[in-house]
Amino acid sequence: MGRRGNIEHEVEKDNSDRWLLTYADMITLLLALFIIMYGMSSVDSQKVKELSQGLEQALNHGSSKGLDQSGGVLPSDNLENVYKSLQSYVKERNLEQTIDLSSTGTSITIRMRDAMLFKPDTAILQAESKPIIEEISKSLESIYGDIHHITITGNTADLGNRDAYNEADSWQLSVNRAVTVLNYMTSMGLQAEKMSIEGNSHYNPIATNDSEDGRAKNRRVEITITGRAN
């Protein structure tokens, strides 16, 4: 009995000491967890610091290249090269009176008078206008990767006839002419998913409608090419 009692006493003592081992294991695990968490926070902090520095450099780099009014980074020089090439084309062929070019640095606008493009009061292209549209399409195709979007807009002149029939006819003509130019440009190989059309009727004049010269300027198709921001 005495020996058995001693054994049971030792077993009970061993069992009562197990909580110390469990507690020590828990403390060890917690210490390891804290070390891991600290290490992770240090890494994340470093990543945040690196990201912040990278963003600052990018912003400074963008500022050195110049920003447009909307804050977008200016595209590559390819768009400007196309603008200069079209300027030379217009000048060599004495088309300054029928084609007007402008550039903002991030976009090009090509204004073409309807008298050069279409047969009177129709959306049928003049034969002599086709080489011009082909030249424009060829120039744009060479930098299509730098182009964000091309918008083709038809505009008519205000003749003062505001009845429902003339209003509808003016809207339709402006849209049809934009579609005609778009179709011809896509037939030259330009991808349609980067293009859209608009029809302004006579509601976006650039000159007075009180003179024939002013109305001739208002009757136009505009092609606006927007560059893709870097």
C-alpha atoms as a PDB file:
ATOM      1  CA  MET A   1       0.000   0.000   0.000  1.00  0.00           C
ATOM      2  CA  GLY A   2       2.747   2.395   0.820  1.00  0.00           C
ATOM      3  CA  ARG A   3       4.494   1.977  -2.537  1.00  0.00           C
ATOM      4  CA  ARG A   4       1.249   2.215  -4.458  1.00  0.00           C
ATOM      5  CA  GLY A   5       0.385   5.399  -2.624  1.00  0.00           C
ATOM      6  CA  ASN A   6       3.744   6.874  -3.523  1.00  0.00           C
ATOM      7  CA  ILE A   7       3.227   6.032  -7.176  1.00  0.00           C
ATOM      8  CA  GLU A   8      -0.200   7.616  -7.279  1.00  0.00           C
ATOM      9  CA  HIS A   9       1.210  10.702  -5.545  1.00  0.00           C
ATOM     10  CA  GLU A  10       3.955  11.017  -8.149  1.00  0.00           C
ATOM     11  CA  VAL A  11       1.452  10.620 -11.000  1.00  0.00           C
ATOM     12  CA  GLU A  12      -0.760  13.284  -9.549  1.00  0.00           C
ATOM     13  CA  LYS A  13       2.233  15.583  -9.183  1.00  0.00           C
ATOM     14  CA  ASP A  14       3.263  14.949 -12.806  1.00  0.00           C
ATOM     15  CA  ASN A  15      -0.262  15.720 -14.001  1.00  0.00           C
ATOM     16  CA  SER A  16      -0.447  18.873 -11.924  1.00  0.00           C
ATOM     17  CA  ASP A  17       2.801  20.094 -13.508  1.00  0.00           C
ATOM     18  CA  ARG A  18       1.562  19.671 -17.098  1.00  0.00           C
ATOM     19  CA  TRP A  19      -0.091  23.071 -17.092  1.00  0.00           C
ATOM     20  CA  LEU A  20       3.340  24.610 -16.716  1.00  0.00           C
ATOM     21  CA  LEU A  21       4.460  22.926 -19.940  1.00  0.00           C
ATOM     22  CA  THR A  22       1.271  24.051 -21.733  1.00  0.00           C
ATOM     23  CA  TYR A  23       1.711  27.587 -20.438  1.00  0.00           C
ATOM     24  CA  ALA A  24       5.371  27.635 -21.525  1.00  0.00           C
ATOM     25  CA  ASP A  25       4.390  26.349 -24.986  1.00  0.00           C
ATOM     26  CA  MET A  26       1.734  29.039 -25.287  1.00  0.00           C
ATOM     27  CA  ILE A  27       4.182  31.762 -24.277  1.00  0.00           C
ATOM     28  CA  THR A  28       6.669  30.464 -26.847  1.00  0.00           C
ATOM     29  CA  LEU A  29       4.036  30.420 -29.574  1.00  0.00           C
ATOM     30  CA  LEU A  30       2.865  33.915 -28.697  1.00  0.00           C
ATOM     31  CA  LEU A  31       6.442  35.169 -28.760  1.00  0.00           C
ATOM     32  CA  ALA A  32       6.961  33.586 -32.163  1.00  0.00           C
ATOM     33  CA  LEU A  33       3.683  35.130 -33.391  1.00  0.00           C
ATOM     34  CA  PHE A  34       4.687  38.585 -32.207  1.00  0.00           C
ATOM     35  CA  ILE A  35       8.062  38.227 -33.926  1.00  0.00           C
ATOM     36  CA  ILE A  36       6.370  37.215 -37.187  1.00  0.00           C
ATOM     37  CA  MET A  37       3.837  40.054 -36.943  1.00  0.00           C
ATOM     38  CA  TYR A  38       6.585  42.550 -36.252  1.00  0.00           C
ATOM     39  CA  GLY A  39       8.546  41.255 -39.210  1.00  0.00           C
ATOM     40  CA  MET A  40       5.484  41.531 -41.467  1.00  0.00           C
ATOM     41  CA  SER A  41       4.735  45.071 -40.297  1.00  0.00           C
ATOM     42  CA  SER A  42       8.338  46.041 -40.990  1.00  0.00           C
ATOM     43  CA  VAL A  43       8.161  44.597 -44.503  1.00  0.00           C
ATOM     44  CA  ASP A  44       4.830  46.285 -45.219  1.00  0.00           C
ATOM     45  CA  SER A  45       6.162  49.563 -43.897  1.00  0.00           C
ATOM     46  CA  GLN A  46       9.141  49.281 -46.212  1.00  0.00           C
ATOM     47  CA  LYS A  47       6.837  48.455 -49.144  1.00  0.00           C
ATOM     48  CA  VAL A  48       4.687  51.470 -48.365  1.00  0.00           C
ATOM     49  CA  LYS A  49       7.786  53.627 -48.205  1.00  0.00           C
ATOM     50  CA  GLU A  50       9.027  52.289 -51.557  1.00  0.00           C
ATOM     51  CA  LEU A  51       5.587  52.793 -53.122  1.00  0.00           C
ATOM     52  CA  SER A  52       5.452  56.345 -51.853  1.00  0.00           C
ATOM     53  CA  GLN A  53       8.892  57.102 -53.256  1.00  0.00           C
ATOM     54  CA  GLY A  54       7.977  55.524 -56.598  1.00  0.00           C
ATOM     55  CA  LEU A  55       4.777  57.543 -56.819  1.00  0.00           C
ATOM     56  CA  GLU A  56       6.636  60.736 -55.997  1.00  0.00           C
ATOM     57  CA  GLN A  57       9.194  60.037 -58.722  1.00  0.00           C
ATOM     58  CA  ALA A  58       6.439  59.287 -61.233  1.00  0.00           C
ATOM     59  CA  LEU A  59       4.633  62.510 -60.405  1.00  0.00           C
ATOM     60  CA  ASN A  60       7.836  64.514 -60.626  1.00  0.00           C
ATOM     61  CA  HIS A  61       8.666  62.846 -63.937  1.00  0.00           C
ATOM     62  CA  GLY A  62       5.208  63.656 -65.236  1.00  0.00           C
ATOM     63  CA  SER A  63       5.520  67.265 -64.163  1.00  0.00           C
ATOM     64  CA  SER A  64       8.824  67.581 -65.961  1.00  0.00           C
ATOM     65  CA  LYS A  65       7.208  66.304 -69.178  1.00  0.00           C
ATOM     66  CA  GLY A  66       4.253  68.632 -68.815  1.00  0.00           C
ATOM     67  CA  LEU A  67       0.560  68.123 -68.075  1.00  0.00           C
ATOM     68  CA  ASP A  68      -2.527  68.990 -70.045  1.00  0.00           C
ATOM     69  CA  GLN A  69      -5.381  70.914 -68.432  1.00  0.00           C
ATOM     70  CA  SER A  70      -7.100  67.721 -67.298  1.00  0.00           C
ATOM     71  CA  GLY A  71      -3.934  66.544 -65.530  1.00  0.00           C
ATOM     72  CA  GLY A  72      -3.148  63.733 -67.975  1.00  0.00           C
ATOM     73  CA  VAL A  73       0.433  63.037 -68.949  1.00  0.00           C
ATOM     74  CA  LEU A  74       1.244  64.229 -72.430  1.00  0.00           C
ATOM     75  CA  PRO A  75       1.527  61.440 -75.015  1.00  0.00           C
ATOM     76  CA  SER A  76       4.610  60.670 -77.071  1.00  0.00           C
ATOM     77  CA  ASP A  77       5.858  62.859 -79.909  1.00  0.00           C
ATOM     78  CA  ASN A  78       4.244  60.574 -82.499  1.00  0.00           C
ATOM     79  CA  LEU A  79       1.000  62.553 -82.422  1.00  0.00           C
ATOM     80  CA  GLU A  80       2.876  65.801 -82.998  1.00  0.00           C
ATOM     81  CA  ASN A  81       4.772  64.224 -85.889  1.00  0.00           C
ATOM     82  CA  VAL A  82       1.499  63.302 -87.552  1.00  0.00           C
ATOM     83  CA  TYR A  83       0.278  66.863 -87.057  1.00  0.00           C
ATOM     84  CA  LYS A  84       3.386  68.251 -88.777  1.00  0.00           C
ATOM     85  CA  SER A  85       3.092  65.707 -91.569  1.00  0.00           C
ATOM     86  CA  LEU A  86      -0.526  66.688 -92.237  1.00  0.00           C
ATOM     87  CA  GLN A  87       0.434  70.354 -92.132  1.00  0.00           C
ATOM     88  CA  SER A  88       2.989  69.716 -94.887  1.00  0.00           C
ATOM     89  CA  TYR A  89       0.446  67.754 -96.908  1.00  0.00           C
ATOM     90  CA  VAL A  90      -2.121  70.580 -96.708  1.00  0.00           C
ATOM     91  CA  LYS A  91       0.440  73.251 -97.592  1.00  0.00           C
ATOM     92  CA  GLU A  92       1.933  71.343-100.540  1.00  0.00           C
ATOM     93  CA  ARG A  93      -1.523  70.913-102.088  1.00  0.00           C
ATOM     94  CA  ASN A  94      -2.751  74.425-101.298  1.00  0.00           C
ATOM     95  CA  LEU A  95      -5.621  73.162 -99.159  1.00  0.00           C
ATOM     96  CA  GLU A  96      -5.374  75.827 -96.445  1.00  0.00           C
ATOM     97  CA  GLN A  97      -8.737  77.333 -97.468  1.00  0.00           C
ATOM     98  CA  THR A  98     -10.598  74.053 -97.075  1.00  0.00           C
ATOM     99  CA  ILE A  99      -8.683  72.194 -94.331  1.00  0.00           C
ATOM    100  CA  ASP A 100      -7.772  73.652 -90.961  1.00  0.00           C
ATOM    101  CA  LEU A 101      -5.471  71.867 -88.525  1.00  0.00           C
ATOM    102  CA  SER A 102      -4.965  72.534 -84.824  1.00  0.00           C
ATOM    103  CA  SER A 103      -3.071  70.778 -82.044  1.00  0.00           C
ATOM    104  CA  THR A 104      -3.234  71.007 -78.252  1.00  0.00           C
ATOM    105  CA  GLY A 105      -0.287  68.679 -77.656  1.00  0.00           C
ATOM    106  CA  THR A 106      -2.598  65.862 -76.556  1.00  0.00           C
ATOM    107  CA  SER A 107      -5.026  65.978 -79.488  1.00  0.00           C
ATOM    108  CA  ILE A 108      -5.280  66.999 -83.127  1.00  0.00           C
ATOM    109  CA  THR A 109      -8.375  68.470 -84.756  1.00  0.00           C
ATOM    110  CA  ILE A 110      -8.809  68.365 -88.528  1.00  0.00           C
ATOM    111  CA  ARG A 111     -11.591  70.585 -89.920  1.00  0.00           C
ATOM    112  CA  MET A 112     -12.642  69.921 -93.499  1.00  0.00           C
ATOM    113  CA  ARG A 113     -15.240  72.034 -95.300  1.00  0.00           C
ATOM    114  CA  ASP A 114     -18.178  70.143 -96.757  1.00  0.00           C
ATOM    115  CA  ALA A 115     -17.722  71.724-100.219  1.00  0.00           C
ATOM    116  CA  MET A 116     -14.430  69.859-100.527  1.00  0.00           C
ATOM    117  CA  LEU A 117     -15.802  66.611 -99.092  1.00  0.00           C
ATOM    118  CA  PHE A 118     -19.342  66.116-100.370  1.00  0.00           C
ATOM    119  CA  LYS A 119     -21.641  66.688-103.256  1.00  0.00           C
ATOM    120  CA  PRO A 120     -24.066  69.537-102.366  1.00  0.00           C
ATOM    121  CA  ASP A 121     -26.676  68.673 -99.716  1.00  0.00           C
ATOM    122  CA  THR A 122     -25.663  65.018 -99.641  1.00  0.00           C
ATOM    123  CA  ALA A 123     -23.388  62.649 -97.716  1.00  0.00           C
ATOM    124  CA  ILE A 124     -21.798  61.395-100.959  1.00  0.00           C
ATOM    125  CA  LEU A 125     -18.046  61.908-101.058  1.00  0.00           C
ATOM    126  CA  GLN A 126     -16.495  63.923-103.851  1.00  0.00           C
ATOM    127  CA  ALA A 127     -13.914  61.947-105.825  1.00  0.00           C
ATOM    128  CA  GLU A 128     -11.221  64.548-105.077  1.00  0.00           C
ATOM    129  CA  SER A 129     -11.800  64.251-101.326  1.00  0.00           C
ATOM    130  CA  LYS A 130     -10.958  60.553-101.137  1.00  0.00           C
ATOM    131  CA  PRO A 131      -7.157  60.907-101.465  1.00  0.00           C
ATOM    132  CA  ILE A 132      -7.229  63.415 -98.597  1.00  0.00           C
ATOM    133  CA  ILE A 133      -9.097  61.030 -96.280  1.00  0.00           C
ATOM    134  CA  GLU A 134      -6.750  58.261 -97.385  1.00  0.00           C
ATOM    135  CA  GLU A 135      -3.722  60.384 -96.448  1.00  0.00           C
ATOM    136  CA  ILE A 136      -5.213  61.146 -93.038  1.00  0.00           C
ATOM    137  CA  SER A 137      -6.018  57.461 -92.453  1.00  0.00           C
ATOM    138  CA  LYS A 138      -2.518  56.362 -93.507  1.00  0.00           C
ATOM    139  CA  SER A 139      -0.907  58.877 -91.150  1.00  0.00           C
ATOM    140  CA  LEU A 140      -3.076  57.761 -88.226  1.00  0.00           C
ATOM    141  CA  GLU A 141      -2.547  54.070 -88.906  1.00  0.00           C
ATOM    142  CA  SER A 142       1.202  54.511 -88.423  1.00  0.00           C
ATOM    143  CA  ILE A 143       0.660  55.645 -84.797  1.00  0.00           C
ATOM    144  CA  TYR A 144      -2.548  53.805 -83.967  1.00  0.00           C
ATOM    145  CA  GLY A 145      -1.054  52.384 -80.784  1.00  0.00           C
ATOM    146  CA  ASP A 146      -0.625  55.930 -79.439  1.00  0.00           C
ATOM    147  CA  ILE A 147      -4.208  56.921 -80.250  1.00  0.00           C
ATOM    148  CA  HIS A 148      -6.826  56.798 -77.523  1.00  0.00           C
ATOM    149  CA  HIS A 149      -9.851  57.792 -79.584  1.00  0.00           C
ATOM    150  CA  ILE A 150     -10.968  59.346 -82.865  1.00  0.00           C
ATOM    151  CA  THR A 151     -14.203  61.340 -82.988  1.00  0.00           C
ATOM    152  CA  ILE A 152     -15.741  62.311 -86.313  1.00  0.00           C
ATOM    153  CA  THR A 153     -18.290  65.119 -86.072  1.00  0.00           C
ATOM    154  CA  GLY A 154     -20.638  66.440 -88.758  1.00  0.00           C
ATOM    155  CA  ASN A 155     -21.775  70.088 -88.696  1.00  0.00           C
ATOM    156  CA  THR A 156     -24.166  72.046 -90.896  1.00  0.00           C
ATOM    157  CA  ALA A 157     -24.998  75.754 -91.323  1.00  0.00           C
ATOM    158  CA  ASP A 158     -28.051  77.533 -89.965  1.00  0.00           C
ATOM    159  CA  LEU A 159     -30.162  78.852 -92.830  1.00  0.00           C
ATOM    160  CA  GLY A 160     -32.813  80.189 -90.505  1.00  0.00           C
ATOM    161  CA  ASN A 161     -35.384  77.519 -91.360  1.00  0.00           C
ATOM    162  CA  ARG A 162     -36.292  76.136 -87.958  1.00  0.00           C
ATOM    163  CA  ASP A 163     -39.401  74.178 -88.923  1.00  0.00           C
ATOM    164  CA  ALA A 164     -39.504  70.510 -87.911  1.00  0.00           C
ATOM    165  CA  TYR A 165     -38.658  69.162 -91.371  1.00  0.00           C
ATOM    166  CA  ASN A 166     -35.536  71.305 -91.848  1.00  0.00           C
ATOM    167  CA  GLU A 167     -34.380  70.679 -88.296  1.00  0.00           C
ATOM    168  CA  ALA A 168     -34.649  66.906 -88.756  1.00  0.00           C
ATOM    169  CA  ASP A 169     -32.936  67.130 -92.135  1.00  0.00           C
ATOM    170  CA  SER A 170     -30.058  69.154 -90.681  1.00  0.00           C
ATOM    171  CA  TRP A 171     -29.527  66.673 -87.862  1.00  0.00           C
ATOM    172  CA  GLN A 172     -29.642  63.714 -90.227  1.00  0.00           C
ATOM    173  CA  LEU A 173     -27.253  65.257 -92.730  1.00  0.00           C
ATOM    174  CA  SER A 174     -24.672  66.040 -90.059  1.00  0.00           C
ATOM    175  CA  VAL A 175     -24.801  62.458 -88.764  1.00  0.00           C
ATOM    176  CA  ASN A 176     -24.755  60.873 -92.228  1.00  0.00           C
ATOM    177  CA  ARG A 177     -21.683  62.839 -93.251  1.00  0.00           C
ATOM    178  CA  ALA A 178     -19.818  61.780 -90.115  1.00  0.00           C
ATOM    179  CA  VAL A 179     -20.758  58.152 -90.794  1.00  0.00           C
ATOM    180  CA  THR A 180     -19.578  58.428 -94.415  1.00  0.00           C
ATOM    181  CA  VAL A 181     -16.141  59.668 -93.352  1.00  0.00           C
ATOM    182  CA  LEU A 182     -15.888  57.006 -90.636  1.00  0.00           C
ATOM    183  CA  ASN A 183     -16.782  54.242 -93.092  1.00  0.00           C
ATOM    184  CA  TYR A 184     -14.184  55.425 -95.570  1.00  0.00           C
ATOM    185  CA  MET A 185     -11.498  55.622 -92.876  1.00  0.00           C
ATOM    186  CA  THR A 186     -12.266  52.133 -91.600  1.00  0.00           C
ATOM    187  CA  SER A 187     -12.143  50.847 -95.180  1.00  0.00           C
ATOM    188  CA  MET A 188      -8.538  52.099 -95.141  1.00  0.00           C
ATOM    189  CA  GLY A 189      -7.796  49.703 -92.270  1.00  0.00           C
ATOM    190  CA  LEU A 190      -8.380  51.790 -89.119  1.00  0.00           C
ATOM    191  CA  GLN A 191      -9.958  49.873 -86.239  1.00  0.00           C
ATOM    192  CA  ALA A 192     -13.542  50.913 -85.609  1.00  0.00           C
ATOM    193  CA  GLU A 193     -13.399  50.277 -81.844  1.00  0.00           C
ATOM    194  CA  LYS A 194     -11.329  53.432 -81.397  1.00  0.00           C
ATOM    195  CA  MET A 195     -13.775  55.583 -83.358  1.00  0.00           C
ATOM    196  CA  SER A 196     -17.130  57.267 -82.801  1.00  0.00           C
ATOM    197  CA  ILE A 197     -19.347  59.745 -84.645  1.00  0.00           C
ATOM    198  CA  GLU A 198     -21.342  62.815 -83.633  1.00  0.00           C
ATOM    199  CA  GLY A 199     -23.834  65.041 -85.423  1.00  0.00           C
ATOM    200  CA  ASN A 200     -24.210  68.632 -84.235  1.00  0.00           C
ATOM    201  CA  SER A 201     -26.623  69.869 -86.893  1.00  0.00           C
ATOM    202  CA  HIS A 202     -26.103  73.670 -86.965  1.00  0.00           C
ATOM    203  CA  TYR A 203     -25.711  74.003 -83.192  1.00  0.00           C
ATOM    204  CA  ASN A 204     -21.940  74.242 -83.000  1.00  0.00           C
ATOM    205  CA  PRO A 205     -20.977  77.105 -85.334  1.00  0.00           C
ATOM    206  CA  ILE A 206     -17.421  78.400 -85.585  1.00  0.00           C
ATOM    207  CA  ALA A 207     -18.428  81.445 -87.659  1.00  0.00           C
ATOM    208  CA  THR A 208     -21.453  83.645 -88.249  1.00  0.00           C
ATOM    209  CA  ASN A 209     -24.347  82.258 -90.267  1.00  0.00           C
ATOM    210  CA  ASP A 210     -25.141  85.750 -91.551  1.00  0.00           C
ATOM    211  CA  SER A 211     -22.754  85.473 -94.507  1.00  0.00           C
ATOM    212  CA  GLU A 212     -22.068  82.820 -97.134  1.00  0.00           C
ATOM    213  CA  ASP A 213     -18.418  82.646 -96.104  1.00  0.00           C
ATOM    214  CA  GLY A 214     -19.420  82.068 -92.475  1.00  0.00           C
ATOM    215  CA  ARG A 215     -21.925  79.386 -93.418  1.00  0.00           C
ATOM    216  CA  ALA A 216     -19.273  77.702 -95.597  1.00  0.00           C
ATOM    217  CA  LYS A 217     -16.981  77.497 -92.559  1.00  0.00           C
ATOM    218  CA  ASN A 218     -19.777  76.041 -90.422  1.00  0.00           C
ATOM    219  CA  ARG A 219     -20.525  73.304 -92.947  1.00  0.00           C
ATOM    220  CA  ARG A 220     -17.712  70.970 -92.014  1.00  0.00           C
ATOM    221  CA  VAL A 221     -16.598  67.606 -90.713  1.00  0.00           C
ATOM    222  CA  GLU A 222     -14.175  67.561 -87.821  1.00  0.00           C
ATOM    223  CA  ILE A 223     -11.862  64.673 -87.004  1.00  0.00           C
ATOM    224  CA  THR A 224     -10.487  64.893 -83.464  1.00  0.00           C
ATOM    225  CA  ILE A 225      -7.671  62.511 -82.537  1.00  0.00           C
ATOM    226  CA  THR A 226      -6.900  62.125 -78.850  1.00  0.00           C
ATOM    227  CA  GLY A 227      -3.548  60.701 -77.839  1.00  0.00           C
ATOM    228  CA  ARG A 228      -3.182  57.887 -75.327  1.00  0.00           C
ATOM    229  CA  ALA A 229      -1.641  59.097 -72.057  1.00  0.00           C
ATOM    230  CA  ASN A 230       1.676  57.469 -71.142  1.00  0.00           C
END
